[in-house]
Amino acid sequence: MSFFKKLKDKFTHQTDTVTDKFKEGLTKTRNSFTGRVNDLVARYRKVDEDFFEELEEILFQADVGYETVEMLIDELKMEVKRKNIQDPADVQSVISEKLVDIYQGASSASVDLNMQEGSLTVILFVGVNGVGKTTTIGKLAHRFKQEGKKVILAAGDTFRAGAIEQLEVWGERVGVEVVKQAAGSDPAAVMFDSLQAAKARGADVLLCDTAGRLQNKVNLMKELEKVKRVIEREVPGAPHEVLLVLDATTGQNALIQAKTFKEATDVTGIVLSKLDGTAKGGIVLAIRNELEIPVKLVGLGEKMDDLQEFDPEKYVYGLFANVIEKGTEE
């Protein structure tokens, strides 16, 4: 049974709103990526070196990343040889299987959020300005509240004009408390107040915003280290997650940001926002494979519930949905 067939059996007949969100959210990438792959398959009568060269270029343009593309092409060549694949159309299913293998095999790190059952979970958000960090915090707060959890937000981005007010708007929209101080205050002091409030009110989750300045990496590192020290002192073992928010529409620039923040702090997971807004959704694989940091959440639209846990099989299904549903692999 081909991998396409497995995905088709698993997802096509499900009434699964999350699967639908991946399919809808990856429309731009799918139309660009699989459209070009389909065109490539239609133009070639056999799988040869020229075929692989063109496929390599398509993967580059989807922002899969140089290292990942090279690895993927090498593995595809070996698989084509091993299975004696002659028809270019049969390569599509192998590509989809290898994309999942790359994601799942890049690291043993869990894609699940590290939630503390029965005690306070502290999640620290980092990322440059404009990537959708505050929106991500608001949407995740909504999700946790829908699950019946008591949530508090910490307005730790005290430097960007309007950042505190933006988080307050989300707090009001979702119906959760926001702990803040005046603009320009010490972020570590805001974290201390937020932690005290979370413990006093018996909160389940504390979501912490931080400043997103990268102009001076030394200052960024010192600031984040100070904030983390306060959190660790007040809640041993915390923060339980350090989530780096990246804007998927920036492509390779997001990979550069991820490398910088990985040097500055212990990033445990990636939130890839605005994945629905880009035709270069291959950046998911580049981040996972080249940095060995799991993508834990993805933004698939503007709605409150469009922030979803990342699932590599649903991701690949979203990329190849048109081909899978038509059953062209058969």
C-alpha atoms as a PDB file:
ATOM      1  CA  MET A   1       0.000   0.000   0.000  1.00  0.00           C
ATOM      2  CA  SER A   2       1.395   3.420  -0.965  1.00  0.00           C
ATOM      3  CA  PHE A   3       1.801   6.166   1.609  1.00  0.00           C
ATOM      4  CA  PHE A   4      -0.787   8.236  -0.300  1.00  0.00           C
ATOM      5  CA  LYS A   5      -3.259   5.382   0.087  1.00  0.00           C
ATOM      6  CA  LYS A   6      -2.597   5.272   3.840  1.00  0.00           C
ATOM      7  CA  LEU A   7      -3.186   9.019   4.159  1.00  0.00           C
ATOM      8  CA  LYS A   8      -6.296   8.788   2.013  1.00  0.00           C
ATOM      9  CA  ASP A   9      -7.738   5.993   4.171  1.00  0.00           C
ATOM     10  CA  LYS A  10      -6.814   7.852   7.349  1.00  0.00           C
ATOM     11  CA  PHE A  11      -8.033  11.355   6.545  1.00  0.00           C
ATOM     12  CA  THR A  12     -10.258  11.637   3.453  1.00  0.00           C
ATOM     13  CA  HIS A  13     -13.422  10.213   5.000  1.00  0.00           C
ATOM     14  CA  GLN A  14     -12.964  11.693   8.476  1.00  0.00           C
ATOM     15  CA  THR A  15     -15.191  14.481   9.742  1.00  0.00           C
ATOM     16  CA  ASP A  16     -12.128  16.082  11.306  1.00  0.00           C
ATOM     17  CA  THR A  17     -12.135  19.873  11.531  1.00  0.00           C
ATOM     18  CA  VAL A  18      -8.407  19.924  12.368  1.00  0.00           C
ATOM     19  CA  THR A  19      -7.551  17.991   9.192  1.00  0.00           C
ATOM     20  CA  ASP A  20      -9.749  20.424   7.255  1.00  0.00           C
ATOM     21  CA  LYS A  21      -7.862  23.358   8.799  1.00  0.00           C
ATOM     22  CA  PHE A  22      -4.531  21.924   7.615  1.00  0.00           C
ATOM     23  CA  LYS A  23      -5.990  21.393   4.160  1.00  0.00           C
ATOM     24  CA  GLU A  24      -7.413  24.925   3.977  1.00  0.00           C
ATOM     25  CA  GLY A  25      -4.440  26.576   5.685  1.00  0.00           C
ATOM     26  CA  LEU A  26      -1.920  25.025   3.299  1.00  0.00           C
ATOM     27  CA  THR A  27      -3.842  25.996   0.147  1.00  0.00           C
ATOM     28  CA  LYS A  28      -1.224  28.524  -1.036  1.00  0.00           C
ATOM     29  CA  THR A  29       1.684  26.151  -0.509  1.00  0.00           C
ATOM     30  CA  ARG A  30      -0.246  23.242  -2.021  1.00  0.00           C
ATOM     31  CA  ASN A  31      -1.233  25.196  -5.127  1.00  0.00           C
ATOM     32  CA  SER A  32       2.359  26.287  -5.640  1.00  0.00           C
ATOM     33  CA  PHE A  33       4.275  23.184  -4.576  1.00  0.00           C
ATOM     34  CA  THR A  34       2.106  20.290  -5.724  1.00  0.00           C
ATOM     35  CA  GLY A  35       1.046  22.248  -8.808  1.00  0.00           C
ATOM     36  CA  ARG A  36       4.678  22.394  -9.907  1.00  0.00           C
ATOM     37  CA  VAL A  37       5.284  18.756  -8.918  1.00  0.00           C
ATOM     38  CA  ASN A  38       2.251  17.698 -10.963  1.00  0.00           C
ATOM     39  CA  ASP A  39       3.572  19.667 -13.926  1.00  0.00           C
ATOM     40  CA  LEU A  40       6.982  18.035 -13.494  1.00  0.00           C
ATOM     41  CA  VAL A  41       5.444  14.550 -13.381  1.00  0.00           C
ATOM     42  CA  ALA A  42       3.376  15.251 -16.484  1.00  0.00           C
ATOM     43  CA  ARG A  43       6.421  16.373 -18.499  1.00  0.00           C
ATOM     44  CA  TYR A  44       8.683  13.414 -17.738  1.00  0.00           C
ATOM     45  CA  ARG A  45       8.267   9.878 -18.987  1.00  0.00           C
ATOM     46  CA  LYS A  46      10.940   8.443 -16.698  1.00  0.00           C
ATOM     47  CA  VAL A  47      12.653   9.211 -13.398  1.00  0.00           C
ATOM     48  CA  ASP A  48      16.142  10.396 -14.346  1.00  0.00           C
ATOM     49  CA  GLU A  49      18.768  12.916 -13.213  1.00  0.00           C
ATOM     50  CA  ASP A  50      17.037  15.799 -15.014  1.00  0.00           C
ATOM     51  CA  PHE A  51      13.804  14.943 -13.171  1.00  0.00           C
ATOM     52  CA  PHE A  52      15.576  15.103  -9.811  1.00  0.00           C
ATOM     53  CA  GLU A  53      17.290  18.394 -10.691  1.00  0.00           C
ATOM     54  CA  GLU A  54      13.931  20.042 -11.404  1.00  0.00           C
ATOM     55  CA  LEU A  55      12.386  18.516  -8.287  1.00  0.00           C
ATOM     56  CA  GLU A  56      15.286  19.905  -6.255  1.00  0.00           C
ATOM     57  CA  GLU A  57      14.558  23.402  -7.585  1.00  0.00           C
ATOM     58  CA  ILE A  58      10.855  23.073  -6.681  1.00  0.00           C
ATOM     59  CA  LEU A  59      11.791  22.089  -3.121  1.00  0.00           C
ATOM     60  CA  PHE A  60      14.198  25.031  -2.834  1.00  0.00           C
ATOM     61  CA  GLN A  61      11.465  27.427  -3.929  1.00  0.00           C
ATOM     62  CA  ALA A  62       9.136  26.004  -1.262  1.00  0.00           C
ATOM     63  CA  ASP A  63      11.794  26.989   1.325  1.00  0.00           C
ATOM     64  CA  VAL A  64      12.459  23.424   2.403  1.00  0.00           C
ATOM     65  CA  GLY A  65      16.073  24.506   3.014  1.00  0.00           C
ATOM     66  CA  TYR A  66      19.389  23.527   1.399  1.00  0.00           C
ATOM     67  CA  GLU A  67      20.447  20.811   3.861  1.00  0.00           C
ATOM     68  CA  THR A  68      16.990  19.273   3.953  1.00  0.00           C
ATOM     69  CA  VAL A  69      16.606  19.313   0.157  1.00  0.00           C
ATOM     70  CA  GLU A  70      19.974  17.628  -0.323  1.00  0.00           C
ATOM     71  CA  MET A  71      19.091  14.923   2.183  1.00  0.00           C
ATOM     72  CA  LEU A  72      15.603  14.452   0.733  1.00  0.00           C
ATOM     73  CA  ILE A  73      16.853  14.134  -2.860  1.00  0.00           C
ATOM     74  CA  ASP A  74      19.511  11.587  -1.819  1.00  0.00           C
ATOM     75  CA  GLU A  75      16.917   9.513   0.037  1.00  0.00           C
ATOM     76  CA  LEU A  76      14.459   9.738  -2.863  1.00  0.00           C
ATOM     77  CA  LYS A  77      17.112   8.510  -5.300  1.00  0.00           C
ATOM     78  CA  MET A  78      17.861   5.528  -3.068  1.00  0.00           C
ATOM     79  CA  GLU A  79      14.160   4.717  -2.643  1.00  0.00           C
ATOM     80  CA  VAL A  80      13.475   5.004  -6.379  1.00  0.00           C
ATOM     81  CA  LYS A  81      16.367   2.641  -7.046  1.00  0.00           C
ATOM     82  CA  ARG A  82      15.345   0.221  -4.286  1.00  0.00           C
ATOM     83  CA  LYS A  83      11.719   0.027  -5.468  1.00  0.00           C
ATOM     84  CA  ASN A  84      12.686   0.216  -9.154  1.00  0.00           C
ATOM     85  CA  ILE A  85      10.257   3.104  -9.708  1.00  0.00           C
ATOM     86  CA  GLN A  86       9.990   4.023 -13.378  1.00  0.00           C
ATOM     87  CA  ASP A  87       6.840   6.174 -13.481  1.00  0.00           C
ATOM     88  CA  PRO A  88       7.388   9.764 -12.256  1.00  0.00           C
ATOM     89  CA  ALA A  89       3.830   9.801 -10.865  1.00  0.00           C
ATOM     90  CA  ASP A  90       4.834   7.137  -8.339  1.00  0.00           C
ATOM     91  CA  VAL A  91       7.499   9.458  -6.913  1.00  0.00           C
ATOM     92  CA  GLN A  92       4.865  11.769  -5.389  1.00  0.00           C
ATOM     93  CA  SER A  93       3.852   9.209  -2.798  1.00  0.00           C
ATOM     94  CA  VAL A  94       7.502   8.563  -1.922  1.00  0.00           C
ATOM     95  CA  ILE A  95       8.089  12.327  -1.501  1.00  0.00           C
ATOM     96  CA  SER A  96       5.185  12.598   0.934  1.00  0.00           C
ATOM     97  CA  GLU A  97       6.441   9.630   2.954  1.00  0.00           C
ATOM     98  CA  LYS A  98       9.968  11.053   3.134  1.00  0.00           C
ATOM     99  CA  LEU A  99       8.669  14.464   4.271  1.00  0.00           C
ATOM    100  CA  VAL A 100       6.998  12.784   7.255  1.00  0.00           C
ATOM    101  CA  ASP A 101      10.113  10.678   7.910  1.00  0.00           C
ATOM    102  CA  ILE A 102      12.302  13.790   7.909  1.00  0.00           C
ATOM    103  CA  TYR A 103      10.048  15.548  10.380  1.00  0.00           C
ATOM    104  CA  GLN A 104       9.599  12.617  12.738  1.00  0.00           C
ATOM    105  CA  GLY A 105      13.210  11.470  12.521  1.00  0.00           C
ATOM    106  CA  ALA A 106      14.932  14.824  13.030  1.00  0.00           C
ATOM    107  CA  SER A 107      14.776  14.647  16.815  1.00  0.00           C
ATOM    108  CA  SER A 108      13.267  12.677  19.642  1.00  0.00           C
ATOM    109  CA  ALA A 109      11.840  15.875  21.174  1.00  0.00           C
ATOM    110  CA  SER A 110       8.092  15.746  21.736  1.00  0.00           C
ATOM    111  CA  VAL A 111       5.726  17.862  19.651  1.00  0.00           C
ATOM    112  CA  ASP A 112       3.290  17.961  22.590  1.00  0.00           C
ATOM    113  CA  LEU A 113       3.227  20.935  24.926  1.00  0.00           C
ATOM    114  CA  ASN A 114       4.796  20.151  28.312  1.00  0.00           C
ATOM    115  CA  MET A 115       1.728  20.705  30.491  1.00  0.00           C
ATOM    116  CA  GLN A 116       1.911  20.219  34.264  1.00  0.00           C
ATOM    117  CA  GLU A 117      -1.145  18.355  35.473  1.00  0.00           C
ATOM    118  CA  GLY A 118      -2.375  19.605  38.844  1.00  0.00           C
ATOM    119  CA  SER A 119       0.127  22.470  39.082  1.00  0.00           C
ATOM    120  CA  LEU A 120       1.021  25.739  37.347  1.00  0.00           C
ATOM    121  CA  THR A 121       2.335  25.500  33.765  1.00  0.00           C
ATOM    122  CA  VAL A 122       4.506  28.469  32.741  1.00  0.00           C
ATOM    123  CA  ILE A 123       5.025  29.074  29.010  1.00  0.00           C
ATOM    124  CA  LEU A 124       7.453  31.767  27.883  1.00  0.00           C
ATOM    125  CA  PHE A 125       7.033  33.247  24.389  1.00  0.00           C
ATOM    126  CA  VAL A 126       9.956  34.771  22.488  1.00  0.00           C
ATOM    127  CA  GLY A 127      10.280  36.194  18.978  1.00  0.00           C
ATOM    128  CA  VAL A 128      10.896  39.422  17.094  1.00  0.00           C
ATOM    129  CA  ASN A 129       8.247  42.116  16.782  1.00  0.00           C
ATOM    130  CA  GLY A 130       5.608  41.599  14.119  1.00  0.00           C
ATOM    131  CA  VAL A 131       5.632  37.804  13.942  1.00  0.00           C
ATOM    132  CA  GLY A 132       2.253  37.370  15.631  1.00  0.00           C
ATOM    133  CA  LYS A 133       3.492  36.639  19.151  1.00  0.00           C
ATOM    134  CA  THR A 134       0.714  38.467  21.010  1.00  0.00           C
ATOM    135  CA  THR A 135      -1.965  37.013  18.732  1.00  0.00           C
ATOM    136  CA  THR A 136      -0.541  33.533  19.321  1.00  0.00           C
ATOM    137  CA  ILE A 137      -0.679  34.067  23.093  1.00  0.00           C
ATOM    138  CA  GLY A 138      -4.292  35.227  22.845  1.00  0.00           C
ATOM    139  CA  LYS A 139      -5.345  32.250  20.718  1.00  0.00           C
ATOM    140  CA  LEU A 140      -3.588  29.776  22.991  1.00  0.00           C
ATOM    141  CA  ALA A 141      -5.234  31.398  26.020  1.00  0.00           C
ATOM    142  CA  HIS A 142      -8.590  30.909  24.285  1.00  0.00           C
ATOM    143  CA  ARG A 143      -7.817  27.244  23.648  1.00  0.00           C
ATOM    144  CA  PHE A 144      -6.803  26.594  27.261  1.00  0.00           C
ATOM    145  CA  LYS A 145      -9.874  28.409  28.559  1.00  0.00           C
ATOM    146  CA  GLN A 146     -12.081  26.286  26.303  1.00  0.00           C
ATOM    147  CA  GLU A 147     -10.477  23.267  27.958  1.00  0.00           C
ATOM    148  CA  GLY A 148     -11.592  24.594  31.349  1.00  0.00           C
ATOM    149  CA  LYS A 149      -8.196  25.864  32.495  1.00  0.00           C
ATOM    150  CA  LYS A 150      -7.664  29.072  34.463  1.00  0.00           C
ATOM    151  CA  VAL A 151      -5.261  31.230  32.444  1.00  0.00           C
ATOM    152  CA  ILE A 152      -3.307  34.412  33.262  1.00  0.00           C
ATOM    153  CA  LEU A 153      -1.287  36.502  30.800  1.00  0.00           C
ATOM    154  CA  ALA A 154       1.954  38.302  31.711  1.00  0.00           C
ATOM    155  CA  ALA A 155       2.573  41.519  29.751  1.00  0.00           C
ATOM    156  CA  GLY A 156       6.363  41.188  29.708  1.00  0.00           C
ATOM    157  CA  ASP A 157       6.922  43.152  26.489  1.00  0.00           C
ATOM    158  CA  THR A 158       7.236  46.503  28.217  1.00  0.00           C
ATOM    159  CA  PHE A 159       9.278  48.195  25.487  1.00  0.00           C
ATOM    160  CA  ARG A 160       7.282  48.037  22.261  1.00  0.00           C
ATOM    161  CA  ALA A 161       4.736  50.821  21.996  1.00  0.00           C
ATOM    162  CA  GLY A 162       1.242  49.404  22.332  1.00  0.00           C
ATOM    163  CA  ALA A 163       2.349  45.877  23.259  1.00  0.00           C
ATOM    164  CA  ILE A 164       0.734  45.954  26.708  1.00  0.00           C
ATOM    165  CA  GLU A 165      -2.505  47.382  25.335  1.00  0.00           C
ATOM    166  CA  GLN A 166      -2.568  44.757  22.567  1.00  0.00           C
ATOM    167  CA  LEU A 167      -2.277  41.955  25.124  1.00  0.00           C
ATOM    168  CA  GLU A 168      -5.001  43.583  27.226  1.00  0.00           C
ATOM    169  CA  VAL A 169      -7.333  43.566  24.204  1.00  0.00           C
ATOM    170  CA  TRP A 170      -6.750  39.827  23.859  1.00  0.00           C
ATOM    171  CA  GLY A 171      -7.291  39.351  27.585  1.00  0.00           C
ATOM    172  CA  GLU A 172     -10.670  41.058  27.365  1.00  0.00           C
ATOM    173  CA  ARG A 173     -11.623  39.152  24.221  1.00  0.00           C
ATOM    174  CA  VAL A 174     -10.784  35.774  25.735  1.00  0.00           C
ATOM    175  CA  GLY A 175     -11.874  36.647  29.261  1.00  0.00           C
ATOM    176  CA  VAL A 176      -8.595  36.138  31.116  1.00  0.00           C
ATOM    177  CA  GLU A 177      -6.614  38.347  33.497  1.00  0.00           C
ATOM    178  CA  VAL A 178      -3.582  40.293  32.265  1.00  0.00           C
ATOM    179  CA  VAL A 179      -0.856  41.241  34.770  1.00  0.00           C
ATOM    180  CA  LYS A 180       1.016  44.382  33.708  1.00  0.00           C
ATOM    181  CA  GLN A 181       3.132  47.309  34.817  1.00  0.00           C
ATOM    182  CA  ALA A 182       3.774  50.670  33.214  1.00  0.00           C
ATOM    183  CA  ALA A 183       5.474  50.832  29.807  1.00  0.00           C
ATOM    184  CA  GLY A 184       9.253  50.720  30.181  1.00  0.00           C
ATOM    185  CA  SER A 185       9.143  48.677  33.390  1.00  0.00           C
ATOM    186  CA  ASP A 186      11.592  45.867  34.111  1.00  0.00           C
ATOM    187  CA  PRO A 187      10.197  42.709  32.381  1.00  0.00           C
ATOM    188  CA  ALA A 188      11.547  40.537  35.210  1.00  0.00           C
ATOM    189  CA  ALA A 189       9.478  42.542  37.714  1.00  0.00           C
ATOM    190  CA  VAL A 190       6.373  41.963  35.581  1.00  0.00           C
ATOM    191  CA  MET A 191       7.136  38.227  35.578  1.00  0.00           C
ATOM    192  CA  PHE A 192       7.508  38.228  39.357  1.00  0.00           C
ATOM    193  CA  ASP A 193       4.126  39.933  39.809  1.00  0.00           C
ATOM    194  CA  SER A 194       2.518  37.583  37.275  1.00  0.00           C
ATOM    195  CA  LEU A 195       3.876  34.478  38.992  1.00  0.00           C
ATOM    196  CA  GLN A 196       2.634  35.689  42.381  1.00  0.00           C
ATOM    197  CA  ALA A 197      -0.799  36.394  40.895  1.00  0.00           C
ATOM    198  CA  ALA A 198      -0.926  33.002  39.154  1.00  0.00           C
ATOM    199  CA  LYS A 199      -0.073  31.166  42.368  1.00  0.00           C
ATOM    200  CA  ALA A 200      -2.443  33.234  44.510  1.00  0.00           C
ATOM    201  CA  ARG A 201      -5.377  32.715  42.128  1.00  0.00           C
ATOM    202  CA  GLY A 202      -4.713  29.007  41.568  1.00  0.00           C
ATOM    203  CA  ALA A 203      -4.097  29.442  37.832  1.00  0.00           C
ATOM    204  CA  ASP A 204      -3.386  26.409  35.671  1.00  0.00           C
ATOM    205  CA  VAL A 205      -1.416  28.250  32.978  1.00  0.00           C
ATOM    206  CA  LEU A 206       0.664  31.433  32.855  1.00  0.00           C
ATOM    207  CA  LEU A 207       1.462  32.673  29.334  1.00  0.00           C
ATOM    208  CA  CYS A 208       4.346  35.159  29.326  1.00  0.00           C
ATOM    209  CA  ASP A 209       4.981  37.729  26.604  1.00  0.00           C
ATOM    210  CA  THR A 210       8.526  39.120  26.145  1.00  0.00           C
ATOM    211  CA  ALA A 211      10.215  41.888  24.166  1.00  0.00           C
ATOM    212  CA  GLY A 212      11.254  41.028  20.616  1.00  0.00           C
ATOM    213  CA  ARG A 213      14.328  43.135  20.004  1.00  0.00           C
ATOM    214  CA  LEU A 214      17.152  41.519  18.053  1.00  0.00           C
ATOM    215  CA  GLN A 215      19.187  44.645  17.342  1.00  0.00           C
ATOM    216  CA  ASN A 216      21.453  43.873  20.281  1.00  0.00           C
ATOM    217  CA  LYS A 217      21.667  40.137  20.899  1.00  0.00           C
ATOM    218  CA  VAL A 218      23.684  40.608  24.114  1.00  0.00           C
ATOM    219  CA  ASN A 219      20.890  42.688  25.668  1.00  0.00           C
ATOM    220  CA  LEU A 220      18.296  40.176  24.476  1.00  0.00           C
ATOM    221  CA  MET A 221      20.198  37.305  26.084  1.00  0.00           C
ATOM    222  CA  LYS A 222      20.661  39.155  29.364  1.00  0.00           C
ATOM    223  CA  GLU A 223      17.005  40.145  29.496  1.00  0.00           C
ATOM    224  CA  LEU A 224      15.731  36.642  28.757  1.00  0.00           C
ATOM    225  CA  GLU A 225      18.173  35.110  31.242  1.00  0.00           C
ATOM    226  CA  LYS A 226      16.968  37.480  33.945  1.00  0.00           C
ATOM    227  CA  VAL A 227      13.317  36.695  33.211  1.00  0.00           C
ATOM    228  CA  LYS A 228      14.027  32.957  33.247  1.00  0.00           C
ATOM    229  CA  ARG A 229      15.890  33.213  36.573  1.00  0.00           C
ATOM    230  CA  VAL A 230      12.874  34.864  38.172  1.00  0.00           C
ATOM    231  CA  ILE A 231      10.553  32.195  36.778  1.00  0.00           C
ATOM    232  CA  GLU A 232      12.837  29.341  37.889  1.00  0.00           C
ATOM    233  CA  ARG A 233      13.158  30.797  41.379  1.00  0.00           C
ATOM    234  CA  GLU A 234       9.410  31.200  41.864  1.00  0.00           C
ATOM    235  CA  VAL A 235       8.321  27.970  40.138  1.00  0.00           C
ATOM    236  CA  PRO A 236      11.047  25.278  40.220  1.00  0.00           C
ATOM    237  CA  GLY A 237      11.308  23.509  36.863  1.00  0.00           C
ATOM    238  CA  ALA A 238       9.699  26.390  34.985  1.00  0.00           C
ATOM    239  CA  PRO A 239       9.417  27.705  32.338  1.00  0.00           C
ATOM    240  CA  HIS A 240       7.992  24.423  31.107  1.00  0.00           C
ATOM    241  CA  GLU A 241       8.099  25.635  27.511  1.00  0.00           C
ATOM    242  CA  VAL A 242      10.047  28.384  25.736  1.00  0.00           C
ATOM    243  CA  LEU A 243       8.145  28.831  22.476  1.00  0.00           C
ATOM    244  CA  LEU A 244       9.708  30.807  19.643  1.00  0.00           C
ATOM    245  CA  VAL A 245       7.099  32.423  17.393  1.00  0.00           C
ATOM    246  CA  LEU A 246       8.149  32.712  13.741  1.00  0.00           C
ATOM    247  CA  ASP A 247       6.301  34.226  10.786  1.00  0.00           C
ATOM    248  CA  ALA A 248       6.066  31.540   8.078  1.00  0.00           C
ATOM    249  CA  THR A 249       5.697  34.184   5.351  1.00  0.00           C
ATOM    250  CA  THR A 250       9.307  35.334   5.943  1.00  0.00           C
ATOM    251  CA  GLY A 251      10.704  31.982   4.764  1.00  0.00           C
ATOM    252  CA  GLN A 252      14.457  31.614   5.227  1.00  0.00           C
ATOM    253  CA  ASN A 253      14.544  34.743   7.397  1.00  0.00           C
ATOM    254  CA  ALA A 254      12.507  32.786   9.946  1.00  0.00           C
ATOM    255  CA  LEU A 255      15.262  30.149   9.958  1.00  0.00           C
ATOM    256  CA  ILE A 256      17.868  32.849  10.656  1.00  0.00           C
ATOM    257  CA  GLN A 257      15.762  34.186  13.548  1.00  0.00           C
ATOM    258  CA  ALA A 258      15.394  30.679  14.942  1.00  0.00           C
ATOM    259  CA  LYS A 259      19.178  30.186  14.921  1.00  0.00           C
ATOM    260  CA  THR A 260      19.690  33.491  16.753  1.00  0.00           C
ATOM    261  CA  PHE A 261      17.112  32.765  19.439  1.00  0.00           C
ATOM    262  CA  LYS A 262      18.413  29.225  19.859  1.00  0.00           C
ATOM    263  CA  GLU A 263      21.769  30.773  20.748  1.00  0.00           C
ATOM    264  CA  ALA A 264      20.125  33.280  23.104  1.00  0.00           C
ATOM    265  CA  THR A 265      17.839  30.974  25.068  1.00  0.00           C
ATOM    266  CA  ASP A 266      16.766  27.352  25.458  1.00  0.00           C
ATOM    267  CA  VAL A 267      13.982  27.216  22.861  1.00  0.00           C
ATOM    268  CA  THR A 268      11.882  24.079  23.379  1.00  0.00           C
ATOM    269  CA  GLY A 269       9.484  24.492  20.482  1.00  0.00           C
ATOM    270  CA  ILE A 270       8.439  26.610  17.512  1.00  0.00           C
ATOM    271  CA  VAL A 271       5.107  28.296  16.826  1.00  0.00           C
ATOM    272  CA  LEU A 272       4.884  28.941  13.094  1.00  0.00           C
ATOM    273  CA  SER A 273       2.357  31.711  12.576  1.00  0.00           C
ATOM    274  CA  LYS A 274       0.691  32.730   9.289  1.00  0.00           C
ATOM    275  CA  LEU A 275       1.343  29.368   7.605  1.00  0.00           C
ATOM    276  CA  ASP A 276      -1.873  29.963   5.669  1.00  0.00           C
ATOM    277  CA  GLY A 277      -0.412  33.159   4.206  1.00  0.00           C
ATOM    278  CA  THR A 278       2.601  31.673   2.456  1.00  0.00           C
ATOM    279  CA  ALA A 279       3.330  29.530  -0.602  1.00  0.00           C
ATOM    280  CA  LYS A 280       6.598  28.486   1.087  1.00  0.00           C
ATOM    281  CA  GLY A 281       5.300  26.166   3.791  1.00  0.00           C
ATOM    282  CA  GLY A 282       8.353  23.922   3.358  1.00  0.00           C
ATOM    283  CA  ILE A 283      10.044  26.089   6.000  1.00  0.00           C
ATOM    284  CA  VAL A 284       8.419  23.750   8.566  1.00  0.00           C
ATOM    285  CA  LEU A 285      10.795  20.997   7.457  1.00  0.00           C
ATOM    286  CA  ALA A 286      13.867  23.231   7.269  1.00  0.00           C
ATOM    287  CA  ILE A 287      13.370  24.416  10.854  1.00  0.00           C
ATOM    288  CA  ARG A 288      12.767  20.918  12.173  1.00  0.00           C
ATOM    289  CA  ASN A 289      15.606  19.233  10.299  1.00  0.00           C
ATOM    290  CA  GLU A 290      18.321  21.906  10.497  1.00  0.00           C
ATOM    291  CA  LEU A 291      17.707  23.122  14.061  1.00  0.00           C
ATOM    292  CA  GLU A 292      16.243  19.980  15.644  1.00  0.00           C
ATOM    293  CA  ILE A 293      13.570  22.074  17.343  1.00  0.00           C
ATOM    294  CA  PRO A 294      10.036  20.689  17.013  1.00  0.00           C
ATOM    295  CA  VAL A 295       7.312  22.817  15.469  1.00  0.00           C
ATOM    296  CA  LYS A 296       4.632  22.464  18.160  1.00  0.00           C
ATOM    297  CA  LEU A 297       1.919  24.865  16.964  1.00  0.00           C
ATOM    298  CA  VAL A 298       0.969  26.366  13.600  1.00  0.00           C
ATOM    299  CA  GLY A 299      -1.276  29.287  12.672  1.00  0.00           C
ATOM    300  CA  LEU A 300      -3.650  28.210   9.899  1.00  0.00           C
ATOM    301  CA  GLY A 301      -5.957  31.240   9.689  1.00  0.00           C
ATOM    302  CA  GLU A 302      -7.357  34.327  11.368  1.00  0.00           C
ATOM    303  CA  LYS A 303     -10.026  32.673  13.526  1.00  0.00           C
ATOM    304  CA  MET A 304      -9.649  32.135  17.253  1.00  0.00           C
ATOM    305  CA  ASP A 305      -9.390  28.353  16.858  1.00  0.00           C
ATOM    306  CA  ASP A 306      -7.000  28.388  13.883  1.00  0.00           C
ATOM    307  CA  LEU A 307      -3.929  27.863  16.090  1.00  0.00           C
ATOM    308  CA  GLN A 308      -3.395  24.104  15.941  1.00  0.00           C
ATOM    309  CA  GLU A 309      -0.973  21.506  17.245  1.00  0.00           C
ATOM    310  CA  PHE A 310       1.385  20.522  14.457  1.00  0.00           C
ATOM    311  CA  ASP A 311       0.833  17.057  12.999  1.00  0.00           C
ATOM    312  CA  PRO A 312       3.307  15.956  10.277  1.00  0.00           C
ATOM    313  CA  GLU A 313       0.850  13.562   8.611  1.00  0.00           C
ATOM    314  CA  LYS A 314      -1.909  16.199   8.468  1.00  0.00           C
ATOM    315  CA  TYR A 315       0.692  18.656   7.176  1.00  0.00           C
ATOM    316  CA  VAL A 316       1.630  16.311   4.317  1.00  0.00           C
ATOM    317  CA  TYR A 317      -2.041  15.560   3.668  1.00  0.00           C
ATOM    318  CA  GLY A 318      -2.636  19.322   3.407  1.00  0.00           C
ATOM    319  CA  LEU A 319       0.250  19.601   0.928  1.00  0.00           C
ATOM    320  CA  PHE A 320      -0.931  16.765  -1.319  1.00  0.00           C
ATOM    321  CA  ALA A 321      -4.704  16.759  -0.636  1.00  0.00           C
ATOM    322  CA  ASN A 322      -5.712  17.254  -4.277  1.00  0.00           C
ATOM    323  CA  VAL A 323      -3.577  14.353  -5.483  1.00  0.00           C
ATOM    324  CA  ILE A 324      -4.483  12.072  -2.571  1.00  0.00           C
ATOM    325  CA  GLU A 325      -8.239  12.654  -2.892  1.00  0.00           C
ATOM    326  CA  LYS A 326      -8.213  12.044  -6.640  1.00  0.00           C
ATOM    327  CA  GLY A 327      -6.452   8.775  -5.970  1.00  0.00           C
ATOM    328  CA  THR A 328      -3.884   9.315  -8.722  1.00  0.00           C
ATOM    329  CA  GLU A 329      -1.526   6.953  -6.961  1.00  0.00           C
ATOM    330  CA  GLU A 330      -3.665   3.990  -7.824  1.00  0.00           C
END
